[in-house]
Amino acid sequence: MRIGGGNANRRPLQTVTGRAVRPTSGLVRQALFNMLHGLVQNAIFVDLFAGTGSVGLEALSHGASQVYFVEHDRRALRALQANISRCAMLGRATIVAAPLPQALQQLPALLQADMLFLDPPYASDLTEVTLTALVERRILAAHGVLIWQHMARRAVPPMVLELPLWKSRRYGNTQLSLYAAFPTPPVTDGSEERSTSHILEARQRG
């Protein structure tokens, strides 16, 4: 597994075996960061259920200013620490070694993230449990983007955390559903430039 783009492009990443960790594939990561366009630059990114850190490290490679990695599996944490060092990103990476949703209380009290990546184990209720906790522990800024990776056969709700569905894409058995609030409705004519510019404008105002 390797970083797929940005200034750490092609940097190899350490992985772990077994079912405890399910890394996001290179294809899905590439598709995600293509969808996000320039939104990652200078963003504060929170990688929940980070595993070995491939998504958060991809965000750093694409210019995120800070990434919080939340993970509690010991083997995954060792690989995550090694990958952060291997990518020379120690100064912009913070690891929260605790299970979710309890780990939310260990994030900075005034944290307002620009992006929140949620990729819980598919065969668990941790999506619902974590989203419920996020209602009270609001770490996502009003202009922020929630990215939910889930099984493709799951129903995609029209709204999550009071954010409307922005776009949803399927890649085999995996689906990415992105939620964001817009000053004006997102465009539907195939062009996404206006949509992302609205988020950037809201971030600058915030």
C-alpha atoms as a PDB file:
ATOM      1  CA  MET A   1       0.000   0.000   0.000  1.00  0.00           C
ATOM      2  CA  ARG A   2       1.286   3.466  -0.944  1.00  0.00           C
ATOM      3  CA  ILE A   3       0.331   7.129  -0.764  1.00  0.00           C
ATOM      4  CA  GLY A   4      -1.497   7.878  -4.003  1.00  0.00           C
ATOM      5  CA  GLY A   5      -0.833  11.584  -4.544  1.00  0.00           C
ATOM      6  CA  GLY A   6       0.507  14.840  -3.193  1.00  0.00           C
ATOM      7  CA  ASN A   7       3.965  15.582  -1.873  1.00  0.00           C
ATOM      8  CA  ALA A   8       4.404  12.092  -0.371  1.00  0.00           C
ATOM      9  CA  ASN A   9       3.209  10.338  -3.531  1.00  0.00           C
ATOM     10  CA  ARG A  10       4.246   6.669  -3.828  1.00  0.00           C
ATOM     11  CA  ARG A  11       5.584   6.555  -0.265  1.00  0.00           C
ATOM     12  CA  PRO A  12       5.076   2.937   0.935  1.00  0.00           C
ATOM     13  CA  LEU A  13       2.898   2.360   3.999  1.00  0.00           C
ATOM     14  CA  GLN A  14       3.094  -0.392   6.582  1.00  0.00           C
ATOM     15  CA  THR A  15      -0.020  -2.546   6.984  1.00  0.00           C
ATOM     16  CA  VAL A  16      -1.245  -5.170   9.437  1.00  0.00           C
ATOM     17  CA  THR A  17      -2.843  -8.531   8.735  1.00  0.00           C
ATOM     18  CA  GLY A  18      -6.131  -9.854  10.054  1.00  0.00           C
ATOM     19  CA  ARG A  19      -9.685  -8.577  10.241  1.00  0.00           C
ATOM     20  CA  ALA A  20      -9.158  -5.989  12.960  1.00  0.00           C
ATOM     21  CA  VAL A  21      -8.059  -3.397  10.391  1.00  0.00           C
ATOM     22  CA  ARG A  22      -9.518  -2.834   6.912  1.00  0.00           C
ATOM     23  CA  PRO A  23      -7.383  -0.304   5.018  1.00  0.00           C
ATOM     24  CA  THR A  24      -9.114   1.939   2.505  1.00  0.00           C
ATOM     25  CA  SER A  25      -7.995   0.823  -0.949  1.00  0.00           C
ATOM     26  CA  GLY A  26      -5.858   2.999  -3.164  1.00  0.00           C
ATOM     27  CA  LEU A  27      -8.690   3.263  -5.693  1.00  0.00           C
ATOM     28  CA  VAL A  28     -11.140   4.569  -3.092  1.00  0.00           C
ATOM     29  CA  ARG A  29      -8.596   6.985  -1.624  1.00  0.00           C
ATOM     30  CA  GLN A  30      -7.793   8.380  -5.052  1.00  0.00           C
ATOM     31  CA  ALA A  31     -11.486   8.796  -5.836  1.00  0.00           C
ATOM     32  CA  LEU A  32     -12.105  10.530  -2.499  1.00  0.00           C
ATOM     33  CA  PHE A  33      -9.363  13.111  -2.901  1.00  0.00           C
ATOM     34  CA  ASN A  34     -10.380  13.727  -6.502  1.00  0.00           C
ATOM     35  CA  MET A  35     -13.881  14.534  -5.220  1.00  0.00           C
ATOM     36  CA  LEU A  36     -12.524  16.874  -2.569  1.00  0.00           C
ATOM     37  CA  HIS A  37     -10.520  18.890  -5.121  1.00  0.00           C
ATOM     38  CA  GLY A  38      -8.757  21.778  -3.351  1.00  0.00           C
ATOM     39  CA  LEU A  39     -10.677  21.479  -0.095  1.00  0.00           C
ATOM     40  CA  VAL A  40      -7.927  19.525   1.656  1.00  0.00           C
ATOM     41  CA  GLN A  41      -5.328  22.285   1.361  1.00  0.00           C
ATOM     42  CA  ASN A  42      -4.764  23.818   4.836  1.00  0.00           C
ATOM     43  CA  ALA A  43      -7.674  21.810   6.288  1.00  0.00           C
ATOM     44  CA  ILE A  44      -7.924  20.318   9.757  1.00  0.00           C
ATOM     45  CA  PHE A  45      -8.770  16.668   9.129  1.00  0.00           C
ATOM     46  CA  VAL A  46      -9.960  14.072  11.672  1.00  0.00           C
ATOM     47  CA  ASP A  47      -9.494  10.419  10.727  1.00  0.00           C
ATOM     48  CA  LEU A  48     -11.804   8.327  12.922  1.00  0.00           C
ATOM     49  CA  PHE A  49     -11.087   4.572  13.019  1.00  0.00           C
ATOM     50  CA  ALA A  50      -7.773   5.504  11.420  1.00  0.00           C
ATOM     51  CA  GLY A  51      -6.235   2.033  11.284  1.00  0.00           C
ATOM     52  CA  THR A  52      -2.722   2.347   9.859  1.00  0.00           C
ATOM     53  CA  GLY A  53      -3.468   5.913   8.744  1.00  0.00           C
ATOM     54  CA  SER A  54      -3.682   5.686   4.955  1.00  0.00           C
ATOM     55  CA  VAL A  55      -6.537   8.201   4.577  1.00  0.00           C
ATOM     56  CA  GLY A  56      -5.202  10.745   7.058  1.00  0.00           C
ATOM     57  CA  LEU A  57      -1.703  10.497   5.595  1.00  0.00           C
ATOM     58  CA  GLU A  58      -3.167  10.997   2.132  1.00  0.00           C
ATOM     59  CA  ALA A  59      -4.813  14.162   3.474  1.00  0.00           C
ATOM     60  CA  LEU A  60      -1.470  15.390   4.817  1.00  0.00           C
ATOM     61  CA  SER A  61       0.178  14.583   1.497  1.00  0.00           C
ATOM     62  CA  HIS A  62      -2.475  16.714  -0.237  1.00  0.00           C
ATOM     63  CA  GLY A  63      -1.775  19.691   2.009  1.00  0.00           C
ATOM     64  CA  ALA A  64      -3.900  19.317   5.166  1.00  0.00           C
ATOM     65  CA  SER A  65      -2.471  21.472   7.945  1.00  0.00           C
ATOM     66  CA  GLN A  66      -3.211  18.988  10.746  1.00  0.00           C
ATOM     67  CA  VAL A  67      -4.618  15.473  11.023  1.00  0.00           C
ATOM     68  CA  TYR A  68      -5.937  13.814  14.171  1.00  0.00           C
ATOM     69  CA  PHE A  69      -5.729  10.021  13.939  1.00  0.00           C
ATOM     70  CA  VAL A  70      -8.113   8.156  16.259  1.00  0.00           C
ATOM     71  CA  GLU A  71      -7.324   4.458  16.713  1.00  0.00           C
ATOM     72  CA  HIS A  72      -7.047   1.986  19.594  1.00  0.00           C
ATOM     73  CA  ASP A  73      -5.866  -1.336  18.090  1.00  0.00           C
ATOM     74  CA  ARG A  74      -2.293  -1.855  19.304  1.00  0.00           C
ATOM     75  CA  ARG A  75      -0.920  -3.353  16.105  1.00  0.00           C
ATOM     76  CA  ALA A  76      -2.563  -0.678  13.996  1.00  0.00           C
ATOM     77  CA  LEU A  77      -1.127   2.027  16.279  1.00  0.00           C
ATOM     78  CA  ARG A  78       2.406   0.703  15.850  1.00  0.00           C
ATOM     79  CA  ALA A  79       2.004   0.704  12.075  1.00  0.00           C
ATOM     80  CA  LEU A  80       0.400   4.163  12.187  1.00  0.00           C
ATOM     81  CA  GLN A  81       3.309   5.608  14.144  1.00  0.00           C
ATOM     82  CA  ALA A  82       5.770   4.034  11.717  1.00  0.00           C
ATOM     83  CA  ASN A  83       3.874   5.389   8.708  1.00  0.00           C
ATOM     84  CA  ILE A  84       3.758   8.929  10.080  1.00  0.00           C
ATOM     85  CA  SER A  85       7.518   8.816  10.610  1.00  0.00           C
ATOM     86  CA  ARG A  86       8.102   7.243   7.197  1.00  0.00           C
ATOM     87  CA  CYS A  87       6.168  10.079   5.545  1.00  0.00           C
ATOM     88  CA  ALA A  88       8.043  12.712   7.614  1.00  0.00           C
ATOM     89  CA  MET A  89       4.789  14.196   8.945  1.00  0.00           C
ATOM     90  CA  LEU A  90       5.331  14.079  12.702  1.00  0.00           C
ATOM     91  CA  GLY A  91       4.752  17.817  13.118  1.00  0.00           C
ATOM     92  CA  ARG A  92       1.288  17.766  11.570  1.00  0.00           C
ATOM     93  CA  ALA A  93      -0.028  14.486  12.980  1.00  0.00           C
ATOM     94  CA  THR A  94      -1.655  13.819  16.365  1.00  0.00           C
ATOM     95  CA  ILE A  95      -2.604  10.318  17.492  1.00  0.00           C
ATOM     96  CA  VAL A  96      -5.482   9.751  19.905  1.00  0.00           C
ATOM     97  CA  ALA A  97      -5.062   6.188  21.149  1.00  0.00           C
ATOM     98  CA  ALA A  98      -8.508   5.369  22.491  1.00  0.00           C
ATOM     99  CA  PRO A  99     -11.698   3.598  21.364  1.00  0.00           C
ATOM    100  CA  LEU A 100     -14.630   5.454  19.885  1.00  0.00           C
ATOM    101  CA  PRO A 101     -16.847   7.109  20.851  1.00  0.00           C
ATOM    102  CA  GLN A 102     -14.917   7.725  24.102  1.00  0.00           C
ATOM    103  CA  ALA A 103     -11.948   9.091  22.125  1.00  0.00           C
ATOM    104  CA  LEU A 104     -13.967  12.150  21.115  1.00  0.00           C
ATOM    105  CA  GLN A 105     -13.506  13.504  24.631  1.00  0.00           C
ATOM    106  CA  GLN A 106      -9.713  13.351  24.218  1.00  0.00           C
ATOM    107  CA  LEU A 107      -9.656  15.618  21.186  1.00  0.00           C
ATOM    108  CA  PRO A 108      -8.910  19.326  21.806  1.00  0.00           C
ATOM    109  CA  ALA A 109     -11.836  21.004  23.532  1.00  0.00           C
ATOM    110  CA  LEU A 110     -12.114  23.790  20.949  1.00  0.00           C
ATOM    111  CA  LEU A 111     -11.412  21.643  17.895  1.00  0.00           C
ATOM    112  CA  GLN A 112     -13.380  22.661  14.796  1.00  0.00           C
ATOM    113  CA  ALA A 113     -12.434  20.283  12.014  1.00  0.00           C
ATOM    114  CA  ASP A 114     -12.846  21.070   8.341  1.00  0.00           C
ATOM    115  CA  MET A 115     -13.182  17.392   7.456  1.00  0.00           C
ATOM    116  CA  LEU A 116     -14.253  14.350   9.389  1.00  0.00           C
ATOM    117  CA  PHE A 117     -13.608  10.904   7.925  1.00  0.00           C
ATOM    118  CA  LEU A 118     -15.731   8.121   9.416  1.00  0.00           C
ATOM    119  CA  ASP A 119     -14.840   4.521   8.520  1.00  0.00           C
ATOM    120  CA  PRO A 120     -15.997   2.174  11.291  1.00  0.00           C
ATOM    121  CA  PRO A 121     -15.901  -1.624  11.019  1.00  0.00           C
ATOM    122  CA  TYR A 122     -18.669  -2.589   8.628  1.00  0.00           C
ATOM    123  CA  ALA A 123     -20.097  -5.371  10.809  1.00  0.00           C
ATOM    124  CA  SER A 124     -20.682  -3.199  13.877  1.00  0.00           C
ATOM    125  CA  ASP A 125     -23.029  -0.582  15.291  1.00  0.00           C
ATOM    126  CA  LEU A 126     -20.203   1.918  15.701  1.00  0.00           C
ATOM    127  CA  THR A 127     -21.499   4.185  12.936  1.00  0.00           C
ATOM    128  CA  GLU A 128     -24.691   4.919  14.847  1.00  0.00           C
ATOM    129  CA  VAL A 129     -22.931   5.052  18.226  1.00  0.00           C
ATOM    130  CA  THR A 130     -20.251   7.450  16.989  1.00  0.00           C
ATOM    131  CA  LEU A 131     -22.686   9.700  15.110  1.00  0.00           C
ATOM    132  CA  THR A 132     -24.838   9.921  18.234  1.00  0.00           C
ATOM    133  CA  ALA A 133     -21.789  10.993  20.236  1.00  0.00           C
ATOM    134  CA  LEU A 134     -20.875  13.550  17.563  1.00  0.00           C
ATOM    135  CA  VAL A 135     -24.241  15.242  18.008  1.00  0.00           C
ATOM    136  CA  GLU A 136     -23.146  16.338  21.484  1.00  0.00           C
ATOM    137  CA  ARG A 137     -19.373  16.572  20.881  1.00  0.00           C
ATOM    138  CA  ARG A 138     -19.454  18.834  17.856  1.00  0.00           C
ATOM    139  CA  ILE A 139     -15.940  18.690  16.464  1.00  0.00           C
ATOM    140  CA  LEU A 140     -16.979  19.409  12.867  1.00  0.00           C
ATOM    141  CA  ALA A 141     -17.126  23.083  11.895  1.00  0.00           C
ATOM    142  CA  ALA A 142     -20.336  24.469  10.397  1.00  0.00           C
ATOM    143  CA  HIS A 143     -18.624  24.647   7.006  1.00  0.00           C
ATOM    144  CA  GLY A 144     -17.138  21.170   7.423  1.00  0.00           C
ATOM    145  CA  VAL A 145     -17.464  18.045   5.318  1.00  0.00           C
ATOM    146  CA  LEU A 146     -18.410  14.668   6.789  1.00  0.00           C
ATOM    147  CA  ILE A 147     -17.054  11.723   4.791  1.00  0.00           C
ATOM    148  CA  TRP A 148     -18.610   8.354   5.583  1.00  0.00           C
ATOM    149  CA  GLN A 149     -17.146   5.164   4.114  1.00  0.00           C
ATOM    150  CA  HIS A 150     -19.569   2.264   4.342  1.00  0.00           C
ATOM    151  CA  MET A 151     -20.767  -0.925   2.679  1.00  0.00           C
ATOM    152  CA  ALA A 152     -22.454  -0.231  -0.630  1.00  0.00           C
ATOM    153  CA  ARG A 153     -25.624  -2.078   0.357  1.00  0.00           C
ATOM    154  CA  ARG A 154     -26.318   0.262   3.281  1.00  0.00           C
ATOM    155  CA  ALA A 155     -29.059   2.815   2.859  1.00  0.00           C
ATOM    156  CA  VAL A 156     -27.700   6.341   2.451  1.00  0.00           C
ATOM    157  CA  PRO A 157     -29.663   8.804   4.609  1.00  0.00           C
ATOM    158  CA  PRO A 158     -30.409  12.210   3.069  1.00  0.00           C
ATOM    159  CA  MET A 159     -29.017  13.999   6.133  1.00  0.00           C
ATOM    160  CA  VAL A 160     -26.410  13.220   8.815  1.00  0.00           C
ATOM    161  CA  LEU A 161     -25.448  15.531  11.709  1.00  0.00           C
ATOM    162  CA  GLU A 162     -27.855  18.084  10.225  1.00  0.00           C
ATOM    163  CA  LEU A 163     -25.781  18.103   7.022  1.00  0.00           C
ATOM    164  CA  PRO A 164     -27.435  17.269   3.689  1.00  0.00           C
ATOM    165  CA  LEU A 165     -26.003  14.640   1.390  1.00  0.00           C
ATOM    166  CA  TRP A 166     -23.579  16.275  -1.040  1.00  0.00           C
ATOM    167  CA  LYS A 167     -22.595  13.269  -3.136  1.00  0.00           C
ATOM    168  CA  SER A 168     -22.325   9.503  -2.866  1.00  0.00           C
ATOM    169  CA  ARG A 169     -20.185   7.215  -5.030  1.00  0.00           C
ATOM    170  CA  ARG A 170     -19.873   3.435  -5.138  1.00  0.00           C
ATOM    171  CA  TYR A 171     -16.646   1.497  -5.726  1.00  0.00           C
ATOM    172  CA  GLY A 172     -17.371  -2.226  -5.724  1.00  0.00           C
ATOM    173  CA  ASN A 173     -18.571  -3.154  -2.235  1.00  0.00           C
ATOM    174  CA  THR A 174     -17.479   0.196  -0.797  1.00  0.00           C
ATOM    175  CA  GLN A 175     -19.382   3.464  -0.911  1.00  0.00           C
ATOM    176  CA  LEU A 176     -18.319   7.001  -0.038  1.00  0.00           C
ATOM    177  CA  SER A 177     -21.077   9.359   1.109  1.00  0.00           C
ATOM    178  CA  LEU A 178     -20.159  13.009   1.655  1.00  0.00           C
ATOM    179  CA  TYR A 179     -22.289  15.463   3.634  1.00  0.00           C
ATOM    180  CA  ALA A 180     -21.848  19.237   3.627  1.00  0.00           C
ATOM    181  CA  ALA A 181     -23.871  22.411   4.101  1.00  0.00           C
ATOM    182  CA  PHE A 182     -23.808  24.923   1.278  1.00  0.00           C
ATOM    183  CA  PRO A 183     -24.622  28.634   1.242  1.00  0.00           C
ATOM    184  CA  THR A 184     -26.520  27.772  -1.948  1.00  0.00           C
ATOM    185  CA  PRO A 185     -27.604  24.318  -3.154  1.00  0.00           C
ATOM    186  CA  PRO A 186     -24.885  22.163  -4.733  1.00  0.00           C
ATOM    187  CA  VAL A 187     -24.850  22.073  -8.509  1.00  0.00           C
ATOM    188  CA  THR A 188     -26.274  19.016 -10.259  1.00  0.00           C
ATOM    189  CA  ASP A 189     -25.117  19.574 -13.833  1.00  0.00           C
ATOM    190  CA  GLY A 190     -21.916  17.549 -13.476  1.00  0.00           C
ATOM    191  CA  SER A 191     -19.725  20.522 -12.545  1.00  0.00           C
ATOM    192  CA  GLU A 192     -18.498  20.497  -8.934  1.00  0.00           C
ATOM    193  CA  GLU A 193     -16.300  23.596  -8.983  1.00  0.00           C
ATOM    194  CA  ARG A 194     -19.015  25.880  -7.584  1.00  0.00           C
ATOM    195  CA  SER A 195     -19.826  23.390  -4.836  1.00  0.00           C
ATOM    196  CA  THR A 196     -16.279  23.196  -3.520  1.00  0.00           C
ATOM    197  CA  SER A 197     -15.800  26.955  -3.809  1.00  0.00           C
ATOM    198  CA  HIS A 198     -18.807  27.483  -1.530  1.00  0.00           C
ATOM    199  CA  ILE A 199     -17.176  25.366   1.160  1.00  0.00           C
ATOM    200  CA  LEU A 200     -13.878  27.214   0.823  1.00  0.00           C
ATOM    201  CA  GLU A 201     -15.646  30.570   1.078  1.00  0.00           C
ATOM    202  CA  ALA A 202     -17.481  29.442   4.218  1.00  0.00           C
ATOM    203  CA  ARG A 203     -14.221  28.181   5.753  1.00  0.00           C
ATOM    204  CA  GLN A 204     -12.526  31.533   5.129  1.00  0.00           C
ATOM    205  CA  ARG A 205     -15.425  33.410   6.709  1.00  0.00           C
ATOM    206  CA  GLY A 206     -15.368  31.086   9.713  1.00  0.00           C
END
